[in-house]
Amino acid sequence: MKILLITDRTDAAIGLRLAGAETALVRNKADAEKAFDRALNDESVAILLITSEIEKMCKEKADAVRQAGRPLLSTVPDSDKASSISSAITDYIANAIGIKLD
């Protein structure tokens, strides 16, 4: 079971890689949609994280994933919009899987 982040932010990708998550760094809507499709076809992806900007780019795909219920999808704030990004990501994961990570 993997955690995958789709982001357009290099700092978010690096941070989640250091935490052990896989990342897909995208530059435009077409790349983001391809990353979504790859994640949905990969049975080992249990948690799919996307940044706020990716959710704006791919609203329809994000809504479809949420309705399907697999993988678990959560939107994390972009680092320039979050006052405490380091704790925000941990809180999202804890809320999503019900386990607090220290």
PDB file of N, CA and C in Angstrom:
ATOM      1  N   MET A   1       0.844  -1.175   0.000  1.00  0.00           N
ATOM      2  CA  MET A   1       0.000   0.000   0.000  1.00  0.00           C
ATOM      3  C   MET A   1       0.891   1.240   0.000  1.00  0.00           C
ATOM      4  N   LYS A   2       0.593   2.148  -0.924  1.00  0.00           N
ATOM      5  CA  LYS A   2       1.414   3.336  -1.067  1.00  0.00           C
ATOM      6  C   LYS A   2       0.587   4.602  -0.851  1.00  0.00           C
ATOM      7  N   ILE A   3       1.306   5.648  -0.513  1.00  0.00           N
ATOM      8  CA  ILE A   3       0.768   7.004  -0.509  1.00  0.00           C
ATOM      9  C   ILE A   3       1.405   7.707  -1.698  1.00  0.00           C
ATOM     10  N   LEU A   4       0.564   8.340  -2.520  1.00  0.00           N
ATOM     11  CA  LEU A   4       1.054   9.046  -3.695  1.00  0.00           C
ATOM     12  C   LEU A   4       0.567  10.479  -3.656  1.00  0.00           C
ATOM     13  N   LEU A   5       1.469  11.412  -3.900  1.00  0.00           N
ATOM     14  CA  LEU A   5       1.136  12.833  -4.000  1.00  0.00           C
ATOM     15  C   LEU A   5       1.255  13.275  -5.440  1.00  0.00           C
ATOM     16  N   ILE A   6       0.202  13.930  -5.955  1.00  0.00           N
ATOM     17  CA  ILE A   6       0.269  14.587  -7.261  1.00  0.00           C
ATOM     18  C   ILE A   6       0.336  16.078  -6.975  1.00  0.00           C
ATOM     19  N   THR A   7       1.384  16.716  -7.451  1.00  0.00           N
ATOM     20  CA  THR A   7       1.612  18.123  -7.138  1.00  0.00           C
ATOM     21  C   THR A   7       2.289  18.849  -8.286  1.00  0.00           C
ATOM     22  N   ASP A   8       2.148  20.149  -8.273  1.00  0.00           N
ATOM     23  CA  ASP A   8       2.887  20.987  -9.211  1.00  0.00           C
ATOM     24  C   ASP A   8       3.967  21.781  -8.477  1.00  0.00           C
ATOM     25  N   ARG A   9       4.154  21.465  -7.207  1.00  0.00           N
ATOM     26  CA  ARG A   9       5.101  22.183  -6.351  1.00  0.00           C
ATOM     27  C   ARG A   9       6.287  21.280  -6.008  1.00  0.00           C
ATOM     28  N   THR A  10       7.480  21.726  -6.368  1.00  0.00           N
ATOM     29  CA  THR A  10       8.685  20.948  -6.096  1.00  0.00           C
ATOM     30  C   THR A  10       8.904  20.748  -4.606  1.00  0.00           C
ATOM     31  N   ASP A  11       8.645  21.783  -3.795  1.00  0.00           N
ATOM     32  CA  ASP A  11       8.874  21.658  -2.357  1.00  0.00           C
ATOM     33  C   ASP A  11       7.946  20.621  -1.729  1.00  0.00           C
ATOM     34  N   ALA A  12       6.712  20.544  -2.189  1.00  0.00           N
ATOM     35  CA  ALA A  12       5.786  19.530  -1.673  1.00  0.00           C
ATOM     36  C   ALA A  12       6.252  18.131  -2.062  1.00  0.00           C
ATOM     37  N   ALA A  13       6.716  17.985  -3.289  1.00  0.00           N
ATOM     38  CA  ALA A  13       7.207  16.688  -3.756  1.00  0.00           C
ATOM     39  C   ALA A  13       8.403  16.226  -2.928  1.00  0.00           C
ATOM     40  N   ILE A  14       9.336  17.129  -2.695  1.00  0.00           N
ATOM     41  CA  ILE A  14      10.532  16.773  -1.918  1.00  0.00           C
ATOM     42  C   ILE A  14      10.149  16.410  -0.490  1.00  0.00           C
ATOM     43  N   GLY A  15       9.286  17.205   0.116  1.00  0.00           N
ATOM     44  CA  GLY A  15       8.875  16.943   1.493  1.00  0.00           C
ATOM     45  C   GLY A  15       8.200  15.595   1.660  1.00  0.00           C
ATOM     46  N   LEU A  16       7.310  15.257   0.760  1.00  0.00           N
ATOM     47  CA  LEU A  16       6.610  13.969   0.871  1.00  0.00           C
ATOM     48  C   LEU A  16       7.512  12.801   0.519  1.00  0.00           C
ATOM     49  N   ARG A  17       8.459  13.008  -0.387  1.00  0.00           N
ATOM     50  CA  ARG A  17       9.425  11.938  -0.674  1.00  0.00           C
ATOM     51  C   ARG A  17      10.251  11.631   0.567  1.00  0.00           C
ATOM     52  N   LEU A  18      10.653  12.680   1.285  1.00  0.00           N
ATOM     53  CA  LEU A  18      11.420  12.474   2.516  1.00  0.00           C
ATOM     54  C   LEU A  18      10.601  11.727   3.569  1.00  0.00           C
ATOM     55  N   ALA A  19       9.286  11.877   3.505  1.00  0.00           N
ATOM     56  CA  ALA A  19       8.400  11.178   4.448  1.00  0.00           C
ATOM     57  C   ALA A  19       8.056   9.765   3.981  1.00  0.00           C
ATOM     58  N   GLY A  20       8.539   9.372   2.805  1.00  0.00           N
ATOM     59  CA  GLY A  20       8.326   8.019   2.331  1.00  0.00           C
ATOM     60  C   GLY A  20       7.213   7.859   1.311  1.00  0.00           C
ATOM     61  N   ALA A  21       6.574   8.928   0.925  1.00  0.00           N
ATOM     62  CA  ALA A  21       5.505   8.853  -0.077  1.00  0.00           C
ATOM     63  C   ALA A  21       6.098   8.945  -1.472  1.00  0.00           C
ATOM     64  N   GLU A  22       5.399   8.378  -2.427  1.00  0.00           N
ATOM     65  CA  GLU A  22       5.774   8.554  -3.822  1.00  0.00           C
ATOM     66  C   GLU A  22       5.147   9.839  -4.317  1.00  0.00           C
ATOM     67  N   THR A  23       5.754  10.456  -5.318  1.00  0.00           N
ATOM     68  CA  THR A  23       5.228  11.714  -5.823  1.00  0.00           C
ATOM     69  C   THR A  23       5.209  11.719  -7.345  1.00  0.00           C
ATOM     70  N   ALA A  24       4.271  12.481  -7.869  1.00  0.00           N
ATOM     71  CA  ALA A  24       4.213  12.754  -9.303  1.00  0.00           C
ATOM     72  C   ALA A  24       4.219  14.268  -9.445  1.00  0.00           C
ATOM     73  N   LEU A  25       5.309  14.799  -9.950  1.00  0.00           N
ATOM     74  CA  LEU A  25       5.447  16.239 -10.150  1.00  0.00           C
ATOM     75  C   LEU A  25       4.970  16.568 -11.555  1.00  0.00           C
ATOM     76  N   VAL A  26       3.916  17.377 -11.652  1.00  0.00           N
ATOM     77  CA  VAL A  26       3.314  17.697 -12.944  1.00  0.00           C
ATOM     78  C   VAL A  26       3.441  19.186 -13.217  1.00  0.00           C
ATOM     79  N   ARG A  27       3.348  19.554 -14.470  1.00  0.00           N
ATOM     80  CA  ARG A  27       3.499  20.959 -14.853  1.00  0.00           C
ATOM     81  C   ARG A  27       2.234  21.574 -15.443  1.00  0.00           C
ATOM     82  N   ASN A  28       1.290  20.740 -15.895  1.00  0.00           N
ATOM     83  CA  ASN A  28       0.079  21.274 -16.517  1.00  0.00           C
ATOM     84  C   ASN A  28      -1.086  20.303 -16.313  1.00  0.00           C
ATOM     85  N   LYS A  29      -2.264  20.702 -16.794  1.00  0.00           N
ATOM     86  CA  LYS A  29      -3.471  19.905 -16.600  1.00  0.00           C
ATOM     87  C   LYS A  29      -3.366  18.535 -17.266  1.00  0.00           C
ATOM     88  N   ALA A  30      -2.813  18.477 -18.450  1.00  0.00           N
ATOM     89  CA  ALA A  30      -2.686  17.193 -19.156  1.00  0.00           C
ATOM     90  C   ALA A  30      -1.818  16.216 -18.368  1.00  0.00           C
ATOM     91  N   ASP A  31      -0.692  16.707 -17.839  1.00  0.00           N
ATOM     92  CA  ASP A  31       0.178  15.856 -17.021  1.00  0.00           C
ATOM     93  C   ASP A  31      -0.533  15.406 -15.746  1.00  0.00           C
ATOM     94  N   ALA A  32      -1.288  16.309 -15.138  1.00  0.00           N
ATOM     95  CA  ALA A  32      -2.013  15.974 -13.904  1.00  0.00           C
ATOM     96  C   ALA A  32      -3.060  14.895 -14.172  1.00  0.00           C
ATOM     97  N   GLU A  33      -3.764  15.001 -15.278  1.00  0.00           N
ATOM     98  CA  GLU A  33      -4.776  13.987 -15.607  1.00  0.00           C
ATOM     99  C   GLU A  33      -4.140  12.633 -15.882  1.00  0.00           C
ATOM    100  N   LYS A  34      -2.983  12.625 -16.537  1.00  0.00           N
ATOM    101  CA  LYS A  34      -2.259  11.369 -16.769  1.00  0.00           C
ATOM    102  C   LYS A  34      -1.817  10.752 -15.439  1.00  0.00           C
ATOM    103  N   ALA A  35      -1.351  11.597 -14.514  1.00  0.00           N
ATOM    104  CA  ALA A  35      -0.928  11.102 -13.199  1.00  0.00           C
ATOM    105  C   ALA A  35      -2.122  10.510 -12.441  1.00  0.00           C
ATOM    106  N   PHE A  36      -3.278  11.161 -12.526  1.00  0.00           N
ATOM    107  CA  PHE A  36      -4.494  10.618 -11.919  1.00  0.00           C
ATOM    108  C   PHE A  36      -4.798   9.239 -12.497  1.00  0.00           C
ATOM    109  N   ASP A  37      -4.768   9.122 -13.813  1.00  0.00           N
ATOM    110  CA  ASP A  37      -5.077   7.849 -14.468  1.00  0.00           C
ATOM    111  C   ASP A  37      -4.111   6.752 -14.040  1.00  0.00           C
ATOM    112  N   ARG A  38      -2.812   7.077 -13.970  1.00  0.00           N
ATOM    113  CA  ARG A  38      -1.825   6.090 -13.518  1.00  0.00           C
ATOM    114  C   ARG A  38      -2.111   5.659 -12.078  1.00  0.00           C
ATOM    115  N   ALA A  39      -2.459   6.624 -11.218  1.00  0.00           N
ATOM    116  CA  ALA A  39      -2.737   6.306  -9.815  1.00  0.00           C
ATOM    117  C   ALA A  39      -3.966   5.417  -9.694  1.00  0.00           C
ATOM    118  N   LEU A  40      -4.990   5.689 -10.483  1.00  0.00           N
ATOM    119  CA  LEU A  40      -6.212   4.894 -10.412  1.00  0.00           C
ATOM    120  C   LEU A  40      -6.011   3.486 -10.944  1.00  0.00           C
ATOM    121  N   ASN A  41      -5.086   3.303 -11.862  1.00  0.00           N
ATOM    122  CA  ASN A  41      -4.806   1.975 -12.413  1.00  0.00           C
ATOM    123  C   ASN A  41      -3.810   1.181 -11.565  1.00  0.00           C
ATOM    124  N   ASP A  42      -3.202   1.826 -10.595  1.00  0.00           N
ATOM    125  CA  ASP A  42      -2.230   1.171  -9.718  1.00  0.00           C
ATOM    126  C   ASP A  42      -2.932   0.728  -8.445  1.00  0.00           C
ATOM    127  N   GLU A  43      -3.176  -0.556  -8.312  1.00  0.00           N
ATOM    128  CA  GLU A  43      -3.897  -1.103  -7.165  1.00  0.00           C
ATOM    129  C   GLU A  43      -3.163  -0.899  -5.838  1.00  0.00           C
ATOM    130  N   SER A  44      -1.862  -0.640  -5.886  1.00  0.00           N
ATOM    131  CA  SER A  44      -1.100  -0.480  -4.650  1.00  0.00           C
ATOM    132  C   SER A  44      -1.233   0.922  -4.046  1.00  0.00           C
ATOM    133  N   VAL A  45      -1.823   1.875  -4.776  1.00  0.00           N
ATOM    134  CA  VAL A  45      -2.029   3.225  -4.247  1.00  0.00           C
ATOM    135  C   VAL A  45      -3.264   3.213  -3.347  1.00  0.00           C
ATOM    136  N   ALA A  46      -3.036   3.388  -2.053  1.00  0.00           N
ATOM    137  CA  ALA A  46      -4.132   3.386  -1.085  1.00  0.00           C
ATOM    138  C   ALA A  46      -4.595   4.790  -0.741  1.00  0.00           C
ATOM    139  N   ILE A  47      -3.651   5.724  -0.697  1.00  0.00           N
ATOM    140  CA  ILE A  47      -3.970   7.117  -0.366  1.00  0.00           C
ATOM    141  C   ILE A  47      -3.398   8.001  -1.463  1.00  0.00           C
ATOM    142  N   LEU A  48      -4.271   8.816  -2.043  1.00  0.00           N
ATOM    143  CA  LEU A  48      -3.858   9.744  -3.087  1.00  0.00           C
ATOM    144  C   LEU A  48      -4.001  11.150  -2.531  1.00  0.00           C
ATOM    145  N   LEU A  49      -2.891  11.852  -2.454  1.00  0.00           N
ATOM    146  CA  LEU A  49      -2.886  13.239  -2.000  1.00  0.00           C
ATOM    147  C   LEU A  49      -2.698  14.139  -3.209  1.00  0.00           C
ATOM    148  N   ILE A  50      -3.430  15.241  -3.229  1.00  0.00           N
ATOM    149  CA  ILE A  50      -3.256  16.235  -4.287  1.00  0.00           C
ATOM    150  C   ILE A  50      -3.174  17.600  -3.630  1.00  0.00           C
ATOM    151  N   THR A  51      -2.436  18.503  -4.250  1.00  0.00           N
ATOM    152  CA  THR A  51      -2.373  19.861  -3.731  1.00  0.00           C
ATOM    153  C   THR A  51      -3.586  20.640  -4.241  1.00  0.00           C
ATOM    154  N   SER A  52      -3.845  21.772  -3.628  1.00  0.00           N
ATOM    155  CA  SER A  52      -5.008  22.594  -3.964  1.00  0.00           C
ATOM    156  C   SER A  52      -5.039  22.970  -5.435  1.00  0.00           C
ATOM    157  N   GLU A  53      -3.890  23.288  -5.985  1.00  0.00           N
ATOM    158  CA  GLU A  53      -3.833  23.687  -7.400  1.00  0.00           C
ATOM    159  C   GLU A  53      -4.190  22.523  -8.320  1.00  0.00           C
ATOM    160  N   ILE A  54      -3.758  21.324  -7.983  1.00  0.00           N
ATOM    161  CA  ILE A  54      -4.102  20.148  -8.791  1.00  0.00           C
ATOM    162  C   ILE A  54      -5.601  19.882  -8.714  1.00  0.00           C
ATOM    163  N   GLU A  55      -6.189  20.085  -7.552  1.00  0.00           N
ATOM    164  CA  GLU A  55      -7.634  19.902  -7.434  1.00  0.00           C
ATOM    165  C   GLU A  55      -8.380  20.887  -8.337  1.00  0.00           C
ATOM    166  N   LYS A  56      -7.887  22.114  -8.422  1.00  0.00           N
ATOM    167  CA  LYS A  56      -8.510  23.101  -9.316  1.00  0.00           C
ATOM    168  C   LYS A  56      -8.376  22.675 -10.777  1.00  0.00           C
ATOM    169  N   MET A  57      -7.205  22.147 -11.139  1.00  0.00           N
ATOM    170  CA  MET A  57      -6.965  21.724 -12.515  1.00  0.00           C
ATOM    171  C   MET A  57      -7.834  20.539 -12.920  1.00  0.00           C
ATOM    172  N   CYS A  58      -8.016  19.609 -11.995  1.00  0.00           N
ATOM    173  CA  CYS A  58      -8.657  18.329 -12.304  1.00  0.00           C
ATOM    174  C   CYS A  58      -9.878  18.088 -11.418  1.00  0.00           C
ATOM    175  N   LYS A  59     -10.724  19.065 -11.288  1.00  0.00           N
ATOM    176  CA  LYS A  59     -11.880  18.983 -10.397  1.00  0.00           C
ATOM    177  C   LYS A  59     -12.752  17.768 -10.704  1.00  0.00           C
ATOM    178  N   GLU A  60     -13.016  17.506 -11.987  1.00  0.00           N
ATOM    179  CA  GLU A  60     -13.889  16.388 -12.358  1.00  0.00           C
ATOM    180  C   GLU A  60     -13.295  15.046 -11.935  1.00  0.00           C
ATOM    181  N   LYS A  61     -11.999  14.860 -12.186  1.00  0.00           N
ATOM    182  CA  LYS A  61     -11.347  13.597 -11.805  1.00  0.00           C
ATOM    183  C   LYS A  61     -11.317  13.436 -10.290  1.00  0.00           C
ATOM    184  N   ALA A  62     -11.035  14.523  -9.576  1.00  0.00           N
ATOM    185  CA  ALA A  62     -11.008  14.457  -8.115  1.00  0.00           C
ATOM    186  C   ALA A  62     -12.384  14.083  -7.573  1.00  0.00           C
ATOM    187  N   ASP A  63     -13.435  14.695  -8.112  1.00  0.00           N
ATOM    188  CA  ASP A  63     -14.788  14.371  -7.672  1.00  0.00           C
ATOM    189  C   ASP A  63     -15.136  12.907  -7.964  1.00  0.00           C
ATOM    190  N   ALA A  64     -14.721  12.407  -9.114  1.00  0.00           N
ATOM    191  CA  ALA A  64     -14.989  11.016  -9.473  1.00  0.00           C
ATOM    192  C   ALA A  64     -14.274  10.051  -8.530  1.00  0.00           C
ATOM    193  N   VAL A  65     -13.033  10.367  -8.157  1.00  0.00           N
ATOM    194  CA  VAL A  65     -12.284   9.510  -7.227  1.00  0.00           C
ATOM    195  C   VAL A  65     -12.956   9.511  -5.858  1.00  0.00           C
ATOM    196  N   ARG A  66     -13.394  10.679  -5.412  1.00  0.00           N
ATOM    197  CA  ARG A  66     -14.067  10.759  -4.111  1.00  0.00           C
ATOM    198  C   ARG A  66     -15.352   9.932  -4.109  1.00  0.00           C
ATOM    199  N   GLN A  67     -16.094   9.964  -5.201  1.00  0.00           N
ATOM    200  CA  GLN A  67     -17.331   9.195  -5.272  1.00  0.00           C
ATOM    201  C   GLN A  67     -17.053   7.704  -5.322  1.00  0.00           C
ATOM    202  N   ALA A  68     -15.994   7.312  -6.017  1.00  0.00           N
ATOM    203  CA  ALA A  68     -15.649   5.894  -6.116  1.00  0.00           C
ATOM    204  C   ALA A  68     -15.140   5.353  -4.785  1.00  0.00           C
ATOM    205  N   GLY A  69     -14.503   6.213  -3.999  1.00  0.00           N
ATOM    206  CA  GLY A  69     -14.019   5.795  -2.690  1.00  0.00           C
ATOM    207  C   GLY A  69     -12.704   5.054  -2.697  1.00  0.00           C
ATOM    208  N   ARG A  70     -12.099   4.882  -3.829  1.00  0.00           N
ATOM    209  CA  ARG A  70     -10.825   4.211  -3.933  1.00  0.00           C
ATOM    210  C   ARG A  70      -9.981   4.834  -5.015  1.00  0.00           C
ATOM    211  N   PRO A  71      -8.795   5.229  -4.743  1.00  0.00           N
ATOM    212  CA  PRO A  71      -8.138   5.295  -3.438  1.00  0.00           C
ATOM    213  C   PRO A  71      -8.688   6.456  -2.620  1.00  0.00           C
ATOM    214  N   LEU A  72      -8.339   6.465  -1.363  1.00  0.00           N
ATOM    215  CA  LEU A  72      -8.735   7.569  -0.498  1.00  0.00           C
ATOM    216  C   LEU A  72      -8.055   8.833  -1.008  1.00  0.00           C
ATOM    217  N   LEU A  73      -8.837   9.875  -1.256  1.00  0.00           N
ATOM    218  CA  LEU A  73      -8.299  11.115  -1.817  1.00  0.00           C
ATOM    219  C   LEU A  73      -8.405  12.234  -0.802  1.00  0.00           C
ATOM    220  N   SER A  74      -7.308  12.956  -0.636  1.00  0.00           N
ATOM    221  CA  SER A  74      -7.297  14.099   0.260  1.00  0.00           C
ATOM    222  C   SER A  74      -6.515  15.235  -0.394  1.00  0.00           C
ATOM    223  N   THR A  75      -7.026  16.447  -0.229  1.00  0.00           N
ATOM    224  CA  THR A  75      -6.355  17.623  -0.761  1.00  0.00           C
ATOM    225  C   THR A  75      -5.541  18.275   0.345  1.00  0.00           C
ATOM    226  N   VAL A  76      -4.279  18.529   0.060  1.00  0.00           N
ATOM    227  CA  VAL A  76      -3.406  19.202   1.016  1.00  0.00           C
ATOM    228  C   VAL A  76      -3.173  20.626   0.536  1.00  0.00           C
ATOM    229  N   PRO A  77      -3.045  21.557   1.454  1.00  0.00           N
ATOM    230  CA  PRO A  77      -2.838  22.954   1.039  1.00  0.00           C
ATOM    231  C   PRO A  77      -1.465  23.143   0.400  1.00  0.00           C
ATOM    232  N   ASP A  78      -1.406  24.077  -0.542  1.00  0.00           N
ATOM    233  CA  ASP A  78      -0.113  24.437  -1.126  1.00  0.00           C
ATOM    234  C   ASP A  78       0.712  25.153  -0.068  1.00  0.00           C
ATOM    235  N   SER A  79       2.031  25.012  -0.134  1.00  0.00           N
ATOM    236  CA  SER A  79       2.897  25.562   0.902  1.00  0.00           C
ATOM    237  C   SER A  79       2.824  27.077   1.004  1.00  0.00           C
ATOM    238  N   ASP A  80       2.519  27.762  -0.076  1.00  0.00           N
ATOM    239  CA  ASP A  80       2.446  29.211   0.007  1.00  0.00           C
ATOM    240  C   ASP A  80       1.125  29.694   0.597  1.00  0.00           C
ATOM    241  N   LYS A  81       0.168  28.793   0.789  1.00  0.00           N
ATOM    242  CA  LYS A  81      -1.125  29.180   1.340  1.00  0.00           C
ATOM    243  C   LYS A  81      -1.363  28.634   2.746  1.00  0.00           C
ATOM    244  N   ALA A  82      -0.457  27.824   3.226  1.00  0.00           N
ATOM    245  CA  ALA A  82      -0.649  27.202   4.536  1.00  0.00           C
ATOM    246  C   ALA A  82       0.279  27.842   5.555  1.00  0.00           C
ATOM    247  N   SER A  83      -0.253  28.105   6.731  1.00  0.00           N
ATOM    248  CA  SER A  83       0.579  28.709   7.758  1.00  0.00           C
ATOM    249  C   SER A  83       1.491  27.679   8.415  1.00  0.00           C
ATOM    250  N   SER A  84       1.052  26.436   8.445  1.00  0.00           N
ATOM    251  CA  SER A  84       1.876  25.390   9.054  1.00  0.00           C
ATOM    252  C   SER A  84       1.789  24.123   8.211  1.00  0.00           C
ATOM    253  N   ILE A  85       2.437  24.124   7.071  1.00  0.00           N
ATOM    254  CA  ILE A  85       2.347  23.016   6.124  1.00  0.00           C
ATOM    255  C   ILE A  85       2.883  21.720   6.714  1.00  0.00           C
ATOM    256  N   SER A  86       3.905  21.785   7.545  1.00  0.00           N
ATOM    257  CA  SER A  86       4.467  20.551   8.076  1.00  0.00           C
ATOM    258  C   SER A  86       3.465  19.791   8.927  1.00  0.00           C
ATOM    259  N   SER A  87       2.717  20.479   9.761  1.00  0.00           N
ATOM    260  CA  SER A  87       1.715  19.789  10.570  1.00  0.00           C
ATOM    261  C   SER A  87       0.445  19.518   9.783  1.00  0.00           C
ATOM    262  N   ALA A  88       0.162  20.300   8.748  1.00  0.00           N
ATOM    263  CA  ALA A  88      -1.056  20.110   7.954  1.00  0.00           C
ATOM    264  C   ALA A  88      -1.043  18.757   7.245  1.00  0.00           C
ATOM    265  N   ILE A  89       0.083  18.390   6.660  1.00  0.00           N
ATOM    266  CA  ILE A  89       0.162  17.113   5.950  1.00  0.00           C
ATOM    267  C   ILE A  89       0.011  15.954   6.924  1.00  0.00           C
ATOM    268  N   THR A  90       0.669  16.036   8.075  1.00  0.00           N
ATOM    269  CA  THR A  90       0.534  14.997   9.081  1.00  0.00           C
ATOM    270  C   THR A  90      -0.908  14.877   9.557  1.00  0.00           C
ATOM    271  N   ASP A  91      -1.563  16.005   9.759  1.00  0.00           N
ATOM    272  CA  ASP A  91      -2.967  15.982  10.185  1.00  0.00           C
ATOM    273  C   ASP A  91      -3.870  15.362   9.136  1.00  0.00           C
ATOM    274  N   TYR A  92      -3.636  15.674   7.870  1.00  0.00           N
ATOM    275  CA  TYR A  92      -4.441  15.083   6.796  1.00  0.00           C
ATOM    276  C   TYR A  92      -4.296  13.567   6.783  1.00  0.00           C
ATOM    277  N   ILE A  93      -3.070  13.084   6.890  1.00  0.00           N
ATOM    278  CA  ILE A  93      -2.841  11.640   6.873  1.00  0.00           C
ATOM    279  C   ILE A  93      -3.480  11.000   8.094  1.00  0.00           C
ATOM    280  N   ALA A  94      -3.311  11.616   9.260  1.00  0.00           N
ATOM    281  CA  ALA A  94      -3.903  11.071  10.481  1.00  0.00           C
ATOM    282  C   ALA A  94      -5.420  10.999  10.377  1.00  0.00           C
ATOM    283  N   ASN A  95      -6.042  12.029   9.831  1.00  0.00           N
ATOM    284  CA  ASN A  95      -7.493  12.025   9.664  1.00  0.00           C
ATOM    285  C   ASN A  95      -7.934  11.000   8.633  1.00  0.00           C
ATOM    286  N   ALA A  96      -7.145  10.832   7.591  1.00  0.00           N
ATOM    287  CA  ALA A  96      -7.527   9.931   6.519  1.00  0.00           C
ATOM    288  C   ALA A  96      -7.445   8.469   6.941  1.00  0.00           C
ATOM    289  N   ILE A  97      -6.390   8.099   7.675  1.00  0.00           N
ATOM    290  CA  ILE A  97      -6.216   6.686   8.019  1.00  0.00           C
ATOM    291  C   ILE A  97      -6.471   6.379   9.481  1.00  0.00           C
ATOM    292  N   GLY A  98      -6.698   7.409  10.281  1.00  0.00           N
ATOM    293  CA  GLY A  98      -7.023   7.193  11.685  1.00  0.00           C
ATOM    294  C   GLY A  98      -5.837   6.836  12.567  1.00  0.00           C
ATOM    295  N   ILE A  99      -4.652   7.117  12.101  1.00  0.00           N
ATOM    296  CA  ILE A  99      -3.435   6.809  12.860  1.00  0.00           C
ATOM    297  C   ILE A  99      -2.594   8.062  12.941  1.00  0.00           C
ATOM    298  N   LYS A 100      -2.169   8.427  14.145  1.00  0.00           N
ATOM    299  CA  LYS A 100      -1.318   9.600  14.296  1.00  0.00           C
ATOM    300  C   LYS A 100       0.123   9.215  14.043  1.00  0.00           C
ATOM    301  N   LEU A 101       0.778   9.938  13.144  1.00  0.00           N
ATOM    302  CA  LEU A 101       2.171   9.701  12.822  1.00  0.00           C
ATOM    303  C   LEU A 101       3.039  10.676  13.599  1.00  0.00           C
ATOM    304  N   ASP A 102       4.036  10.171  14.289  1.00  0.00           N
ATOM    305  CA  ASP A 102       4.954  11.037  15.040  1.00  0.00           C
ATOM    306  C   ASP A 102       6.286  11.135  14.363  1.00  0.00           C
TER     307      ASP A 102
END
